[in-house]
Protein backbone atom coordinates (compact mmCIF):
# COMPACT_ATOMS: atom_id res chain seq x y z
CA UNK A 1 6.97 1.26 -27.61
CA UNK A 2 7.93 0.33 -24.15
CA UNK A 3 9.64 -3.11 -23.82
CA UNK A 4 7.59 -5.89 -22.46
CA UNK A 5 8.75 -6.62 -18.85
CA UNK A 6 10.42 -9.92 -18.31
CA UNK A 7 8.12 -12.30 -16.33
CA UNK A 8 9.05 -13.11 -12.75
CA UNK A 9 9.68 -16.90 -12.42
CA UNK A 10 6.90 -18.64 -10.51
CA UNK A 11 9.06 -20.02 -7.85
CA UNK A 12 10.63 -16.60 -7.17
CA UNK A 13 7.18 -15.01 -7.04
CA UNK A 14 6.04 -17.64 -4.50
CA UNK A 15 9.15 -17.01 -2.34
CA UNK A 16 8.51 -13.27 -2.38
CA UNK A 17 4.91 -13.95 -1.32
CA UNK A 18 5.93 -16.28 1.52
CA UNK A 19 8.38 -13.66 2.84
CA UNK A 20 5.60 -11.08 3.03
CA UNK A 21 3.02 -13.33 4.63
CA UNK A 22 2.15 -12.71 8.25
CA UNK A 23 3.66 -9.27 8.03
CA UNK A 24 3.23 -8.05 11.60
CA UNK A 25 4.00 -4.37 10.72
CA UNK A 26 6.03 -4.06 13.85
CA UNK A 27 5.84 -0.85 15.93
CA UNK A 28 7.94 0.01 18.90
CA UNK A 29 6.29 0.25 22.30
CA UNK A 30 8.05 3.56 22.75
CA UNK A 31 11.01 5.47 21.32
CA UNK A 32 13.56 3.03 19.89
CA UNK A 33 17.11 3.66 20.94
CA UNK A 34 18.04 3.85 17.22
CA UNK A 35 15.83 6.99 16.97
CA UNK A 36 17.77 9.00 19.56
CA UNK A 37 20.02 10.50 16.95
CA UNK A 38 17.06 11.71 14.70
CA UNK A 39 17.46 15.44 14.29
CA UNK A 40 13.76 16.40 14.15
CA UNK A 41 11.82 16.45 17.44
CA UNK A 42 8.55 16.45 15.61
CA UNK A 43 9.39 13.21 13.71
CA UNK A 44 10.24 11.45 17.04
CA UNK A 45 7.02 12.72 18.64
CA UNK A 46 4.74 11.67 15.77
CA UNK A 47 6.34 8.18 15.64
CA UNK A 48 5.98 7.82 19.44
CA UNK A 49 2.27 8.79 19.04
CA UNK A 50 1.98 6.29 16.18
CA UNK A 51 0.51 8.97 13.93
CA UNK A 52 1.30 7.18 10.66
CA UNK A 53 0.31 3.66 9.51
CA UNK A 54 2.98 1.02 10.25
CA UNK A 55 5.64 0.49 7.69
CA UNK A 56 4.90 -2.48 5.41
CA UNK A 57 7.94 -4.77 5.33
CA UNK A 58 8.16 -6.16 1.82
CA UNK A 59 10.18 -9.23 0.95
CA UNK A 60 13.22 -7.19 -0.02
CA UNK A 61 13.33 -5.26 3.27
CA UNK A 62 12.74 -8.46 5.27
CA UNK A 63 15.87 -9.98 3.64
CA UNK A 64 17.86 -6.81 4.29
CA UNK A 65 16.91 -7.08 8.01
CA UNK A 66 17.82 -10.78 8.04
CA UNK A 67 21.21 -9.94 6.48
CA UNK A 68 21.81 -7.40 9.21
CA UNK A 69 21.11 -10.09 11.90
CA UNK A 70 23.46 -12.56 10.14
CA UNK A 71 26.23 -9.94 9.91
CA UNK A 72 25.82 -9.01 13.62
CA UNK A 73 26.52 -12.68 14.49
CA UNK A 74 29.51 -12.76 12.12
CA UNK A 75 31.02 -9.73 13.77
CA UNK A 76 30.60 -11.18 17.22
CA UNK A 77 32.23 -14.43 16.02
CA UNK A 78 35.24 -12.33 15.07
CA UNK A 79 35.58 -11.25 18.73
CA UNK A 80 35.32 -14.89 19.76
CA UNK A 81 37.99 -15.73 17.19
CA UNK A 82 40.28 -13.28 18.95
CA UNK A 83 39.74 -15.07 22.28
CA UNK A 84 37.21 -12.61 23.72
CA UNK A 85 34.31 -13.58 25.92
CA UNK A 86 31.06 -12.38 24.43
CA UNK A 87 27.64 -12.44 26.18
CA UNK A 88 24.59 -10.36 26.83
CA UNK A 89 23.14 -10.38 23.36
CA UNK A 90 19.79 -8.54 23.28
CA UNK A 91 20.10 -7.32 26.90
CA UNK A 92 17.48 -4.61 27.38
CA UNK A 93 18.11 -0.97 28.18
CA UNK A 94 15.31 1.34 29.39
CA UNK A 95 14.88 5.01 30.40
CA UNK A 96 12.32 7.79 30.45
CA UNK A 97 9.71 5.66 32.27
CA UNK A 98 10.42 2.71 30.00
CA UNK A 99 9.38 4.70 26.91
CA UNK A 100 12.95 4.98 25.66
CA UNK A 101 14.10 1.44 24.91
CA UNK A 102 16.59 -0.65 23.08
CA UNK A 103 18.56 -3.93 23.04
CA UNK A 104 22.32 -4.17 22.84
CA UNK A 105 24.23 -6.40 20.41
CA UNK A 106 26.33 -7.80 23.20
CA UNK A 107 28.98 -7.29 25.87
CA UNK A 108 32.62 -8.24 25.55
CA UNK A 109 35.55 -8.87 27.87
CA UNK A 110 39.12 -9.61 26.92
CA UNK A 111 39.88 -7.07 24.13
CA UNK A 112 43.60 -6.76 23.59
CA UNK A 113 43.48 -2.98 24.06
CA UNK A 114 41.86 -3.30 27.49
CA UNK A 115 41.54 -7.03 28.61
CA UNK A 116 39.94 -6.28 32.00
CA UNK A 117 37.30 -3.72 30.80
CA UNK A 118 33.83 -4.72 29.92
CA UNK A 119 32.53 -3.05 26.73
CA UNK A 120 29.13 -2.78 25.19
CA UNK A 121 29.32 -4.16 21.65
CA UNK A 122 27.61 -2.35 18.79
CA UNK A 123 27.60 -4.18 15.42
CA UNK A 124 26.68 -2.52 12.09
CA UNK A 125 27.09 -3.18 8.40
CA UNK A 126 26.80 -0.52 5.70
CA UNK A 127 27.30 0.16 2.03
CA UNK A 128 30.65 1.53 1.01
CA UNK A 129 29.45 5.13 0.76
CA UNK A 130 28.50 5.08 4.50
CA UNK A 131 31.41 2.90 5.58
CA UNK A 132 34.18 5.15 4.23
CA UNK A 133 33.36 8.20 6.39
CA UNK A 134 33.25 6.04 9.52
CA UNK A 135 36.62 4.49 8.70
CA UNK A 136 38.18 7.84 7.89
CA UNK A 137 36.67 9.99 10.67
CA UNK A 138 35.37 7.59 13.29
CA UNK A 139 31.78 6.81 14.28
CA UNK A 140 31.04 10.14 16.03
CA UNK A 141 31.53 12.11 12.88
CA UNK A 142 30.89 9.43 10.29
CA UNK A 143 27.72 8.00 11.70
CA UNK A 144 26.37 10.20 14.55
CA UNK A 145 23.12 8.31 14.82
CA UNK A 146 24.98 5.20 15.87
CA UNK A 147 27.09 7.22 18.30
CA UNK A 148 23.91 8.61 19.94
CA UNK A 149 22.48 5.09 20.30
CA UNK A 150 25.33 3.37 22.01
CA UNK A 151 26.02 6.42 24.28
CA UNK A 152 22.47 5.74 25.59
CA UNK A 153 23.37 2.02 26.09
CA UNK A 154 26.37 2.89 28.16
CA UNK A 155 24.32 5.37 30.15
CA UNK A 156 21.56 2.71 30.84
CA UNK A 157 24.00 -0.06 31.70
CA UNK A 158 26.47 1.92 33.78
CA UNK A 159 29.43 1.13 31.48
CA UNK A 160 32.02 3.52 30.20
CA UNK A 161 33.29 1.83 26.97
CA UNK A 162 31.75 0.60 23.75
CA UNK A 163 33.35 -1.53 21.09
CA UNK A 164 31.93 -0.35 17.74
CA UNK A 165 32.21 -2.79 14.85
CA UNK A 166 31.23 -2.07 11.24
CA UNK A 167 31.63 -4.12 8.14
CA UNK A 168 31.42 -2.93 4.51
CA UNK A 169 28.82 -4.75 2.47
CA UNK A 170 30.67 -4.07 -0.78
CA UNK A 171 34.20 -5.04 0.18
CA UNK A 172 34.02 -6.96 3.50
CA UNK A 173 36.37 -4.29 4.95
CA UNK A 174 36.19 -3.87 8.68
CA UNK A 175 36.28 -0.95 11.07
CA UNK A 176 36.72 -1.55 14.87
CA UNK A 177 36.72 1.34 17.31
CA UNK A 178 36.71 1.78 21.11
CA UNK A 179 34.68 4.74 22.18
CA UNK A 180 34.59 6.34 25.64
CA UNK A 181 31.29 7.16 27.47
CA UNK A 182 30.36 10.84 27.21
CA UNK A 183 28.10 11.33 30.24
CA UNK A 184 27.12 14.93 29.41
CA UNK A 185 26.13 13.96 25.86
CA UNK A 186 24.19 10.85 26.93
CA UNK A 187 22.28 12.71 29.69
CA UNK A 188 21.35 15.49 27.20
CA UNK A 189 20.01 12.95 24.77
CA UNK A 190 17.93 11.17 27.37
CA UNK A 191 16.62 14.48 28.65
CA UNK A 192 15.70 15.53 25.15
CA UNK A 193 13.66 12.30 24.62
CA UNK A 194 11.92 12.75 27.95
CA UNK A 195 10.95 16.29 26.97
CA UNK A 196 9.55 15.07 23.60
CA UNK A 197 7.63 12.23 25.30
CA UNK A 198 6.03 14.65 27.76
CA UNK A 199 4.94 17.19 25.09
CA UNK A 200 1.16 17.22 24.96
CA UNK A 201 1.25 18.34 21.28
CA UNK A 202 3.75 18.02 18.44
CA UNK A 203 6.78 20.30 18.38
CA UNK A 204 7.54 22.47 15.42
CA UNK A 205 9.01 21.12 12.22
CA UNK A 206 12.67 20.95 11.43
CA UNK A 207 11.89 21.25 7.70
CA UNK A 208 10.82 24.63 6.46
CA UNK A 209 9.16 23.34 3.33
CA UNK A 210 7.68 20.09 2.01
CA UNK A 211 10.57 19.27 -0.31
CA UNK A 212 13.29 19.97 2.27
CA UNK A 213 15.96 17.31 1.67
CA UNK A 214 16.05 16.60 5.50
CA UNK A 215 12.50 15.20 5.35
CA UNK A 216 12.94 13.21 2.14
CA UNK A 217 12.69 9.82 3.78
CA UNK A 218 10.61 10.82 6.88
CA UNK A 219 7.78 8.26 7.41
CA UNK A 220 5.80 10.92 9.27
CA UNK A 221 5.89 13.46 6.45
CA UNK A 222 2.38 12.92 5.13
CA UNK A 223 0.75 13.32 8.56
CA UNK A 224 3.16 16.11 9.47
CA UNK A 225 2.15 18.27 6.49
CA UNK A 226 -1.58 17.40 6.77
CA UNK A 227 -1.70 15.31 3.52
CA UNK A 228 -3.31 12.43 5.42
CA UNK A 229 -5.13 12.17 8.76
CA UNK A 230 -3.32 10.71 11.76
CA UNK A 231 -4.51 7.28 12.88
CA UNK A 232 -7.46 7.27 15.35
CA UNK A 233 -6.41 5.54 18.54
CA UNK A 234 -5.46 6.39 22.13
CA UNK A 235 -1.99 7.85 21.38
CA UNK A 236 -3.48 10.48 19.07
CA UNK A 237 -6.21 11.37 21.60
CA UNK A 238 -6.23 14.35 23.93
CA UNK A 239 -7.25 12.17 26.85
CA UNK A 240 -4.13 9.92 26.83
CA UNK A 241 -0.93 10.69 28.70
CA UNK A 242 2.40 8.70 28.81
CA UNK A 243 3.36 7.84 32.39
CA UNK A 244 6.95 8.49 33.48
CA UNK A 245 7.05 5.87 36.15
CA UNK A 246 6.86 2.14 35.56
CA UNK A 247 7.33 0.43 32.21
CA UNK A 248 6.07 2.46 29.25
CA UNK A 249 2.60 2.99 30.71
CA UNK A 250 -0.18 5.20 29.43
CA UNK A 251 -3.21 6.73 31.28
CA UNK A 252 -6.62 7.78 30.04
CA UNK A 253 -8.06 10.81 31.83
CA UNK A 254 -11.47 10.29 30.11
CA UNK A 255 -12.02 6.87 31.71
CA UNK A 256 -9.58 7.34 34.59
CA UNK A 257 -7.69 4.07 33.89
CA UNK A 258 -4.34 2.74 32.63
CA UNK A 259 -4.25 1.68 29.06
CA UNK A 260 -2.94 -1.65 27.83
CA UNK A 261 -1.19 -1.80 24.43
CA UNK A 262 -4.28 -3.56 22.96
CA UNK A 263 -6.49 -0.75 24.24
CA UNK A 264 -4.17 1.95 22.97
CA UNK A 265 -4.31 0.43 19.44
CA UNK A 266 -8.05 0.03 19.56
CA UNK A 267 -9.05 3.46 20.89
CA UNK A 268 -12.59 4.19 21.85
CA UNK A 269 -15.74 6.16 20.69
CA UNK A 270 -14.68 9.11 22.89
CA UNK A 271 -11.53 9.70 20.91
CA UNK A 272 -10.70 13.33 20.16
CA UNK A 273 -7.63 14.16 18.12
CA UNK A 274 -4.86 16.30 19.62
CA UNK A 275 -5.73 19.49 17.74
CA UNK A 276 -2.16 20.30 16.69
CA UNK A 277 -1.74 16.90 15.04
CA UNK A 278 -4.27 18.07 12.36
CA UNK A 279 -1.97 20.13 10.26
CA UNK A 280 -3.79 22.71 8.25
CA UNK A 281 -6.92 22.49 10.40
CA UNK A 282 -8.12 25.53 12.30
CA UNK A 283 -9.93 24.90 15.61
CA UNK A 284 -12.96 27.16 15.73
CA UNK A 285 -15.08 25.81 18.57
CA UNK A 286 -15.33 23.17 21.21
CA UNK A 287 -18.21 21.71 23.19
CA UNK A 288 -17.10 20.20 26.53
CA UNK A 289 -20.61 18.93 27.34
CA UNK A 290 -20.94 16.92 24.08
CA UNK A 291 -17.18 16.29 23.92
CA UNK A 292 -16.74 17.67 20.44
CA UNK A 293 -14.19 19.95 18.72
CA UNK A 294 -15.03 21.87 15.58
CA UNK A 295 -12.46 22.61 12.90
CA UNK A 296 -12.31 24.47 9.62
CA UNK A 297 -10.59 22.10 7.18
CA UNK A 298 -8.02 23.22 4.58
CA UNK A 299 -10.87 23.26 2.02
CA UNK A 300 -12.84 25.64 4.18
CA UNK A 301 -15.54 23.24 5.28
CA UNK A 302 -16.46 22.66 8.91
CA UNK A 303 -15.79 19.33 10.51
CA UNK A 304 -16.83 18.25 14.01
CA UNK A 305 -14.48 15.79 15.75
CA UNK A 306 -16.29 13.73 18.40
CA UNK A 307 -17.85 10.47 19.39
CA UNK A 308 -20.56 10.56 16.81
CA UNK A 309 -18.37 11.42 13.92
CA UNK A 310 -16.53 9.17 11.38
CA UNK A 311 -12.99 10.34 11.07
CA UNK A 312 -12.85 9.23 7.47
CA UNK A 313 -15.20 12.18 6.67
CA UNK A 314 -12.41 14.61 7.57
CA UNK A 315 -10.93 16.07 4.44
């Protein structure tokens, strides 16, 4: 007989509920700088096209994010303690027509190693299992995703040094590291994101099978493998195109107009899925006059995508 679970105290349950209220299910306007180091092009493309439902931030994750923000300020305070000048927190960095975007943790001047050199500051905290490789090998080898992110920041801000700070959540140990700007690496990363953004259909998968360990925590996996339908809105529609001039703009060829963020989220009755987003679906016909595309579904049935169809019927 399974043990009866211990009841959650009423006050704790109320706190958890309050933390989850008004969950805005945040989505980036474009490709977040933190995603530059993601290995799979397809994952970045599907996230940029908002293929999957937004991640629900439960009370535990919200507290983890808040702890990260608190630790960031603690690390910046250590620089102030050493007599450094710190400013520029949350300064924005943009590239690829504004679609590639991020915010820095700060800028610093007065480091003992280079008192007259301005550095971008990157603050991170991690569990001991992730902290140890960084302390032993440095950030480039120990945490390549962080390395790719701050290389983009230096590229966007025209600076050539970063001060990388990581604290260990288990032991409060610290790792500080000055890293030089690698122009070739940064430009390759930005060019890669530009290429992904401009792709009219999803690139091939990195994972060769569904249980590939590289896709274990991928939020796009269910859409990627055709287990659920992509969301129906402008970014999943064949008529929408990201613009590479301006600030993260999108254009609709069907209605010949720019699209606001609200319009992108809402979509319209003329929506037609980008065919390659429908994994496992075979396109068998299209009707330009009636603006429909006919598919054979994985079950063998025919399904017509078009203005008069309810996408929930696709299965």
